Protein backbone atom coordinates (compact mmCIF):
# COMPACT_ATOMS: atom_id res chain seq x y z
CA UNK A 1 -91.72 185.33 -138.86
CA UNK A 2 -90.36 187.15 -135.83
CA UNK A 3 -89.12 190.73 -136.30
CA UNK A 4 -85.96 190.85 -138.43
CA UNK A 5 -82.91 193.12 -138.44
CA UNK A 6 -80.30 193.72 -141.11
CA UNK A 7 -77.35 192.01 -139.47
CA UNK A 8 -74.24 192.69 -141.55
CA UNK A 9 -76.24 192.07 -144.73
CA UNK A 10 -78.09 189.03 -143.35
CA UNK A 11 -81.78 189.11 -142.48
CA UNK A 12 -81.73 187.80 -138.91
CA UNK A 13 -84.61 187.37 -136.48
CA UNK A 14 -84.04 189.20 -133.23
CA UNK A 15 -84.37 185.86 -131.45
CA UNK A 16 -81.64 183.37 -132.46
CA UNK A 17 -81.63 179.80 -131.20
CA UNK A 18 -78.37 178.82 -129.53
CA UNK A 19 -76.80 175.46 -128.83
CA UNK A 20 -75.23 175.17 -125.36
CA UNK A 21 -77.89 172.67 -124.23
CA UNK A 22 -77.25 170.59 -127.37
CA UNK A 23 -73.62 170.08 -126.34
CA UNK A 24 -74.36 169.70 -122.64
CA UNK A 25 -72.98 173.07 -121.57
CA UNK A 26 -75.54 173.89 -118.87
CA UNK A 27 -73.30 176.22 -116.82
CA UNK A 28 -75.20 174.80 -113.84
CA UNK A 29 -73.75 171.42 -112.80
CA UNK A 30 -72.01 168.34 -114.18
CA UNK A 31 -75.18 166.31 -113.68
CA UNK A 32 -77.16 168.86 -115.65
CA UNK A 33 -74.56 168.74 -118.45
CA UNK A 34 -74.93 164.96 -118.70
CA UNK A 35 -78.72 165.21 -118.69
CA UNK A 36 -78.67 167.65 -121.60
CA UNK A 37 -76.20 165.59 -123.62
CA UNK A 38 -78.28 162.45 -123.14
CA UNK A 39 -81.46 164.21 -124.22
CA UNK A 40 -80.10 166.00 -127.27
CA UNK A 41 -79.39 163.30 -129.80
CA UNK A 42 -78.70 164.33 -133.39
CA UNK A 43 -82.34 163.72 -134.31
CA UNK A 44 -83.66 165.74 -131.35
CA UNK A 45 -81.37 168.63 -132.27
CA UNK A 46 -82.65 168.64 -135.85
CA UNK A 47 -86.21 168.36 -134.57
CA UNK A 48 -85.62 171.40 -132.35
CA UNK A 49 -84.41 173.42 -135.32
CA UNK A 50 -87.57 172.46 -137.21
CA UNK A 51 -89.62 173.70 -134.25
CA UNK A 52 -87.63 176.94 -134.39
CA UNK A 53 -88.46 177.34 -138.09
CA UNK A 54 -92.14 176.86 -137.36
CA UNK A 55 -91.98 179.34 -134.47
CA UNK A 56 -90.70 182.10 -136.77
CA UNK A 57 -86.97 181.96 -136.00
CA UNK A 58 -84.64 182.05 -139.02
CA UNK A 59 -81.12 181.82 -137.51
CA UNK A 60 -79.18 179.40 -135.31
CA UNK A 61 -75.79 179.60 -133.61
CA UNK A 62 -73.63 176.62 -132.64
CA UNK A 63 -69.97 176.00 -132.00
CA UNK A 64 -67.81 174.19 -134.56
CA UNK A 65 -66.35 171.50 -132.30
CA UNK A 66 -68.94 169.37 -130.48
CA UNK A 67 -69.00 166.26 -132.71
CA UNK A 68 -72.68 165.27 -132.51
CA UNK A 69 -73.80 168.89 -132.87
CA UNK A 70 -71.59 169.31 -135.92
CA UNK A 71 -73.08 166.12 -137.35
CA UNK A 72 -76.56 167.53 -136.77
CA UNK A 73 -75.63 170.74 -138.60
CA UNK A 74 -74.31 168.82 -141.60
CA UNK A 75 -77.41 166.66 -141.82
CA UNK A 76 -79.82 169.54 -141.22
CA UNK A 77 -78.32 171.77 -143.91
CA UNK A 78 -77.99 168.85 -146.34
CA UNK A 79 -81.69 168.17 -145.78
CA UNK A 80 -82.49 171.77 -146.80
CA UNK A 81 -83.07 173.08 -143.28
CA UNK A 82 -84.24 176.68 -143.46
CA UNK A 83 -82.30 178.21 -140.54
CA UNK A 84 -79.14 180.10 -141.45
CA UNK A 85 -76.10 179.16 -139.40
CA UNK A 86 -73.82 181.60 -137.60
CA UNK A 87 -70.80 179.62 -136.41
CA UNK A 88 -68.94 180.21 -133.17
CA UNK A 89 -65.42 179.09 -134.08
CA UNK A 90 -62.61 177.78 -131.92
CA UNK A 91 -59.53 175.87 -133.01
CA UNK A 92 -58.99 173.38 -130.20
CA UNK A 93 -59.68 170.49 -132.59
CA UNK A 94 -57.78 172.00 -135.53
CA UNK A 95 -54.11 172.76 -136.01
CA UNK A 96 -54.82 176.12 -137.64
CA UNK A 97 -57.62 178.69 -137.47
CA UNK A 98 -57.73 178.71 -141.28
CA UNK A 99 -58.74 175.03 -141.25
CA UNK A 100 -61.43 175.58 -138.62
CA UNK A 101 -62.88 178.47 -140.60
CA UNK A 102 -62.75 176.61 -143.90
CA UNK A 103 -64.61 173.64 -142.42
CA UNK A 104 -67.43 175.84 -141.10
CA UNK A 105 -67.71 177.68 -144.40
CA UNK A 106 -67.76 174.43 -146.37
CA UNK A 107 -70.56 173.09 -144.19
CA UNK A 108 -72.58 176.23 -144.92
CA UNK A 109 -72.24 178.93 -142.26
CA UNK A 110 -73.30 182.47 -143.19
CA UNK A 111 -71.16 184.31 -140.62
CA UNK A 112 -68.46 183.46 -138.08
CA UNK A 113 -67.43 184.82 -134.71
CA UNK A 114 -64.55 183.72 -132.53
CA UNK A 115 -65.08 181.97 -129.20
CA UNK A 116 -65.10 184.27 -126.18
CA UNK A 117 -62.20 182.55 -124.44
CA UNK A 118 -59.97 183.22 -127.46
CA UNK A 119 -60.93 186.88 -127.45
CA UNK A 120 -60.57 187.16 -123.67
CA UNK A 121 -57.02 185.82 -123.98
CA UNK A 122 -56.17 188.15 -126.86
CA UNK A 123 -57.42 191.09 -124.80
CA UNK A 124 -55.41 190.08 -121.73
CA UNK A 125 -52.27 189.78 -123.86
CA UNK A 126 -53.20 192.78 -126.05
CA UNK A 127 -52.55 190.42 -128.97
CA UNK A 128 -53.99 192.47 -131.80
CA UNK A 129 -52.17 190.49 -134.49
CA UNK A 130 -54.04 187.23 -133.80
CA UNK A 131 -57.45 188.90 -134.01
CA UNK A 132 -56.49 190.68 -137.24
CA UNK A 133 -55.16 187.48 -138.79
CA UNK A 134 -58.29 185.50 -137.88
CA UNK A 135 -60.56 188.23 -139.25
CA UNK A 136 -58.63 188.29 -142.53
CA UNK A 137 -59.12 184.52 -142.83
CA UNK A 138 -62.90 184.83 -142.44
CA UNK A 139 -63.14 187.81 -144.77
CA UNK A 140 -61.30 185.86 -147.46
CA UNK A 141 -64.46 183.72 -147.59
CA UNK A 142 -66.62 186.84 -148.08
CA UNK A 143 -68.78 186.43 -144.98
CA UNK A 144 -69.23 188.66 -141.89
CA UNK A 145 -66.84 188.21 -138.98
CA UNK A 146 -67.32 188.95 -135.30
CA UNK A 147 -66.05 188.25 -131.80
CA UNK A 148 -67.56 186.92 -128.60
CA UNK A 149 -66.19 187.85 -125.21
CA UNK A 150 -67.06 187.56 -121.55
CA UNK A 151 -66.10 191.05 -120.41
CA UNK A 152 -67.13 194.45 -121.76
CA UNK A 153 -63.48 195.51 -121.65
CA UNK A 154 -62.54 192.86 -124.23
CA UNK A 155 -65.25 194.07 -126.61
CA UNK A 156 -64.38 197.72 -126.14
CA UNK A 157 -60.74 196.92 -126.93
CA UNK A 158 -61.67 195.02 -130.11
CA UNK A 159 -64.02 197.84 -131.09
CA UNK A 160 -61.12 200.32 -131.04
CA UNK A 161 -59.35 198.15 -133.61
CA UNK A 162 -62.28 198.47 -136.05
CA UNK A 163 -61.67 195.02 -137.54
CA UNK A 164 -64.93 193.11 -136.95
CA UNK A 165 -68.44 193.41 -138.34
CA UNK A 166 -70.33 192.45 -135.17
CA UNK A 167 -69.98 191.55 -131.50
CA UNK A 168 -71.53 188.74 -129.42
CA UNK A 169 -71.63 190.21 -125.92
CA UNK A 170 -72.15 188.08 -122.81
CA UNK A 171 -74.53 189.58 -120.25
CA UNK A 172 -72.44 188.01 -117.48
CA UNK A 173 -68.68 188.30 -117.03
CA UNK A 174 -68.34 184.53 -116.58
CA UNK A 175 -65.12 183.86 -118.45
CA UNK A 176 -63.85 182.31 -115.23
CA UNK A 177 -65.55 179.05 -116.17
CA UNK A 178 -63.05 178.56 -119.01
CA UNK A 179 -60.16 178.64 -116.54
CA UNK A 180 -61.53 176.17 -114.02
CA UNK A 181 -62.58 178.89 -111.60
CA UNK A 182 -66.25 177.94 -111.55
CA UNK A 183 -69.52 179.42 -112.67
CA UNK A 184 -69.76 183.08 -111.71
CA UNK A 185 -73.00 184.86 -112.56
CA UNK A 186 -73.44 188.25 -110.87
CA UNK A 187 -76.43 190.47 -111.61
CA UNK A 188 -74.19 193.52 -111.38
CA UNK A 189 -72.51 192.45 -114.63
CA UNK A 190 -75.61 193.04 -116.76
CA UNK A 191 -75.56 196.84 -116.60
CA UNK A 192 -71.96 196.96 -117.83
CA UNK A 193 -72.81 194.57 -120.67
CA UNK A 194 -75.70 196.64 -122.01
CA UNK A 195 -73.69 199.86 -121.70
CA UNK A 196 -71.00 198.15 -123.76
CA UNK A 197 -73.53 197.06 -126.40
CA UNK A 198 -74.89 200.58 -126.70
CA UNK A 199 -71.43 202.11 -127.02
CA UNK A 200 -70.66 199.85 -130.01
CA UNK A 201 -72.29 201.09 -133.20
CA UNK A 202 -71.96 197.75 -134.97
CA UNK A 203 -74.66 195.08 -134.57
CA UNK A 204 -74.48 193.01 -131.41
CA UNK A 205 -75.83 189.67 -130.25
CA UNK A 206 -76.59 189.50 -126.54
CA UNK A 207 -76.04 186.06 -125.05
CA UNK A 208 -76.55 184.41 -121.66
CA UNK A 209 -79.30 186.99 -121.08
CA UNK A 210 -81.00 184.48 -118.74
CA UNK A 211 -77.80 183.70 -116.87
CA UNK A 212 -77.88 180.09 -118.11
CA UNK A 213 -81.36 179.48 -116.72
CA UNK A 214 -81.07 181.62 -113.60
CA UNK A 215 -83.48 184.36 -114.78
CA UNK A 216 -87.09 183.92 -115.92
CA UNK A 217 -87.53 184.22 -119.71
CA UNK A 218 -90.13 187.01 -119.60
CA UNK A 219 -87.94 189.16 -117.38
CA UNK A 220 -84.77 188.46 -119.37
CA UNK A 221 -86.31 189.17 -122.77
CA UNK A 222 -88.05 192.32 -121.55
CA UNK A 223 -84.85 193.69 -120.05
CA UNK A 224 -82.71 192.77 -123.04
CA UNK A 225 -84.95 194.26 -125.71
CA UNK A 226 -85.53 197.37 -123.60
CA UNK A 227 -81.79 197.99 -123.32
CA UNK A 228 -79.98 196.73 -126.43
CA UNK A 229 -80.04 198.61 -129.73
CA UNK A 230 -82.92 198.14 -132.20
CA UNK A 231 -80.39 196.62 -134.63
CA UNK A 232 -79.32 193.91 -132.15
CA UNK A 233 -80.46 190.33 -131.51
CA UNK A 234 -80.30 187.81 -128.66
CA UNK A 235 -79.01 184.24 -128.71
CA UNK A 236 -80.84 181.76 -126.46
CA UNK A 237 -80.13 178.10 -125.75
CA UNK A 238 -83.32 176.06 -125.30
CA UNK A 239 -83.53 172.78 -123.39
CA UNK A 240 -86.70 170.95 -124.37
CA UNK A 241 -86.05 168.32 -121.71
CA UNK A 242 -87.52 170.82 -119.23
CA UNK A 243 -90.37 171.95 -121.46
CA UNK A 244 -91.14 170.47 -124.86
CA UNK A 245 -92.83 173.73 -125.91
CA UNK A 246 -89.93 175.95 -124.88
CA UNK A 247 -89.03 177.06 -128.42
CA UNK A 248 -92.57 178.15 -129.25
CA UNK A 249 -93.09 179.81 -125.87
CA UNK A 250 -89.85 181.80 -126.13
CA UNK A 251 -90.80 182.95 -129.63
CA UNK A 252 -94.24 184.00 -128.40
CA UNK A 253 -92.73 186.01 -125.54
CA UNK A 254 -90.38 187.82 -127.92
CA UNK A 255 -93.15 188.43 -130.44
CA UNK A 256 -95.35 189.94 -127.71
CA UNK A 257 -92.60 192.13 -126.23
CA UNK A 258 -91.44 193.47 -129.59
CA UNK A 259 -95.02 193.99 -130.72
CA UNK A 260 -95.80 196.04 -127.62
CA UNK A 261 -92.65 198.10 -128.10
CA UNK A 262 -93.58 198.85 -131.72
CA UNK A 263 -97.10 199.82 -130.69
CA UNK A 264 -95.64 202.19 -128.11
């Protein structure tokens, strides 16, 4: 097993397997999106989670809306898959947030955080009431609740409200992609992201630490674990169409980096 942290009462490996490649969200090109969607059938997704189990990972994150990914989650958990599921929840396919949350809980998620675009919008509008209402809905199911967000400012604002248990912080301020403004990945964003993570006492999950495939894994992992808190984790999407051994190799890199840091 990879090193574990106490994440809001859950034992979570510091490397979490994400799901953007499963749904075809490459953040690179439309052709790349289609390639990923074609590769990641339901069976290949479940196979990838089995590889993650074997590599020492114990937690996965996916969204609650991509139909074939949601089907894979249902089947995987019904087949006694060992990974615990943290759900990223949106409500584009549901009339109410309560229904979206209830569905994820009924399938078997162990924690929920709200999609970054929702939180970005709430921050822009300073709409505290929506965030509070959504958090109350999740807490009524007695599981941890968090927020994602594409800018440090959104997280710092939510942190002042003291209403969530954890934060999923994007290393790149790329919320523009949700408004049709294109993929914007600037290296200068990373420093602000890690400063934000360190200013928030609650556990954090760093995501897009590789800039959606723009940064080499060894460099990204080394930087992330050198700069986030010891109580934090990272969430990484893994596209086996490029390298069938990607899950195992990522786990080995993390195991080596964290082992060296402990020895130091």
